[in-house]
Amino acid sequence: MDLMQGTLDMLILRILVSGKRHGFDISKRIQLLSESSLQVGPGSMYPALHRLERRGLLKASKETGASGKMAKFYELTSMGREQVETERLQWQEFVSTINQILDQA
């Protein structure tokens, strides 16, 4: 299933509410929570992470991961935490509008 533009950003922000993660872990979490309906490859994940970092919603740090290798970990900034709720509300409004059209068409 393809993701609509902006949806990946919203999912990344929401997943990072629980704490720092590296890109591969975020991808796996999306896959797990979607019961494998959504699979995000590195060609989509890393540009999204960099875009969110440039917007000031994420900050990155290099740390040693569980495998013992250095990895770039991402976490929400305070602005990112605020954006999670904004994105959630906008998504709910969008879905409600689409459902209204589907029900009445």
Protein backbone atom coordinates (compact mmCIF):
# COMPACT_ATOMS: atom_id res chain seq x y z
CA MET A 1 0.00 0.00 0.00
CA ASP A 2 1.41 3.38 -0.98
CA LEU A 3 1.46 6.21 1.55
CA MET A 4 -0.05 9.59 0.74
CA GLN A 5 2.34 12.51 0.78
CA GLY A 6 2.83 13.71 4.36
CA THR A 7 1.51 10.50 5.89
CA LEU A 8 4.98 9.04 6.42
CA ASP A 9 6.06 12.18 8.26
CA MET A 10 3.05 11.88 10.56
CA LEU A 11 3.75 8.20 11.26
CA ILE A 12 7.42 8.89 12.01
CA LEU A 13 6.53 11.66 14.44
CA ARG A 14 3.96 9.47 16.20
CA ILE A 15 6.34 6.55 16.56
CA LEU A 16 9.02 8.79 18.05
CA VAL A 17 6.68 9.89 20.85
CA SER A 18 7.85 6.78 22.72
CA GLY A 19 11.51 7.76 22.46
CA LYS A 20 14.64 7.68 20.31
CA ARG A 21 14.87 5.26 17.40
CA HIS A 22 17.04 4.82 14.35
CA GLY A 23 15.60 4.81 10.84
CA PHE A 24 15.56 1.05 10.35
CA ASP A 25 13.78 0.60 13.68
CA ILE A 26 11.15 3.18 12.71
CA SER A 27 10.58 1.31 9.43
CA LYS A 28 10.19 -1.99 11.25
CA ARG A 29 7.80 -0.43 13.77
CA ILE A 30 5.57 0.88 10.95
CA GLN A 31 5.61 -2.55 9.35
CA LEU A 32 4.76 -4.26 12.65
CA LEU A 33 1.96 -1.88 13.64
CA SER A 34 0.42 -2.06 10.16
CA GLU A 35 0.61 -5.87 10.19
CA SER A 36 2.94 -5.64 7.17
CA SER A 37 0.46 -3.57 5.12
CA LEU A 38 2.96 -0.71 5.08
CA GLN A 39 6.62 -1.21 4.31
CA VAL A 40 8.88 1.81 4.16
CA GLY A 41 12.20 1.41 2.41
CA PRO A 42 15.32 3.46 3.05
CA GLY A 43 14.68 5.51 -0.12
CA SER A 44 11.57 6.95 1.56
CA MET A 45 12.51 6.76 5.24
CA TYR A 46 15.78 8.66 5.25
CA PRO A 47 14.66 11.60 3.11
CA ALA A 48 11.62 11.93 5.40
CA LEU A 49 13.81 11.87 8.52
CA HIS A 50 16.14 14.50 7.05
CA ARG A 51 13.17 16.66 6.02
CA LEU A 52 11.72 16.49 9.55
CA GLU A 53 15.12 17.29 11.02
CA ARG A 54 15.49 20.34 8.73
CA ARG A 55 12.05 21.52 9.83
CA GLY A 56 13.20 21.38 13.46
CA LEU A 57 10.79 18.60 14.42
CA LEU A 58 13.51 16.00 15.04
CA LYS A 59 17.03 16.05 16.34
CA ALA A 60 19.59 13.40 15.55
CA SER A 61 22.51 11.97 17.47
CA LYS A 62 25.01 9.24 16.71
CA GLU A 63 24.93 6.45 19.26
CA THR A 64 25.85 2.81 19.55
CA GLY A 65 22.86 0.66 18.67
CA ALA A 66 21.86 -2.74 20.02
CA SER A 67 24.09 -4.40 17.41
CA GLY A 68 27.12 -2.53 18.75
CA LYS A 69 27.40 -0.39 15.59
CA MET A 70 27.13 3.37 15.46
CA ALA A 71 23.76 4.54 14.18
CA LYS A 72 21.96 7.83 13.82
CA PHE A 73 19.10 8.01 16.32
CA TYR A 74 16.23 10.44 15.97
CA GLU A 75 14.05 11.97 18.66
CA LEU A 76 11.33 14.59 18.78
CA THR A 77 12.09 18.18 19.61
CA SER A 78 9.56 20.18 21.63
CA MET A 79 8.25 21.56 18.35
CA GLY A 80 8.00 17.98 17.05
CA ARG A 81 5.94 16.97 20.08
CA GLU A 82 3.50 19.78 19.37
CA GLN A 83 3.35 18.82 15.70
CA VAL A 84 2.31 15.24 16.53
CA GLU A 85 -0.99 16.44 17.97
CA THR A 86 -1.53 18.92 15.13
CA GLU A 87 -0.93 16.18 12.55
CA ARG A 88 -3.27 13.78 14.37
CA LEU A 89 -6.10 16.30 14.45
CA GLN A 90 -5.60 17.23 10.79
CA TRP A 91 -5.59 13.53 9.85
CA GLN A 92 -8.83 12.87 11.72
CA GLU A 93 -10.47 15.83 9.99
CA PHE A 94 -9.22 14.62 6.60
CA VAL A 95 -10.49 11.07 7.16
CA SER A 96 -13.85 12.38 8.35
CA THR A 97 -14.20 14.53 5.22
CA ILE A 98 -13.27 11.66 2.90
CA ASN A 99 -15.72 9.33 4.70
CA GLN A 100 -18.46 11.92 4.36
CA ILE A 101 -17.89 12.08 0.59
CA LEU A 102 -17.74 8.28 0.29
CA ASP A 103 -20.96 7.88 2.24
CA GLN A 104 -22.85 10.48 0.20
CA ALA A 105 -21.51 9.91 -3.32
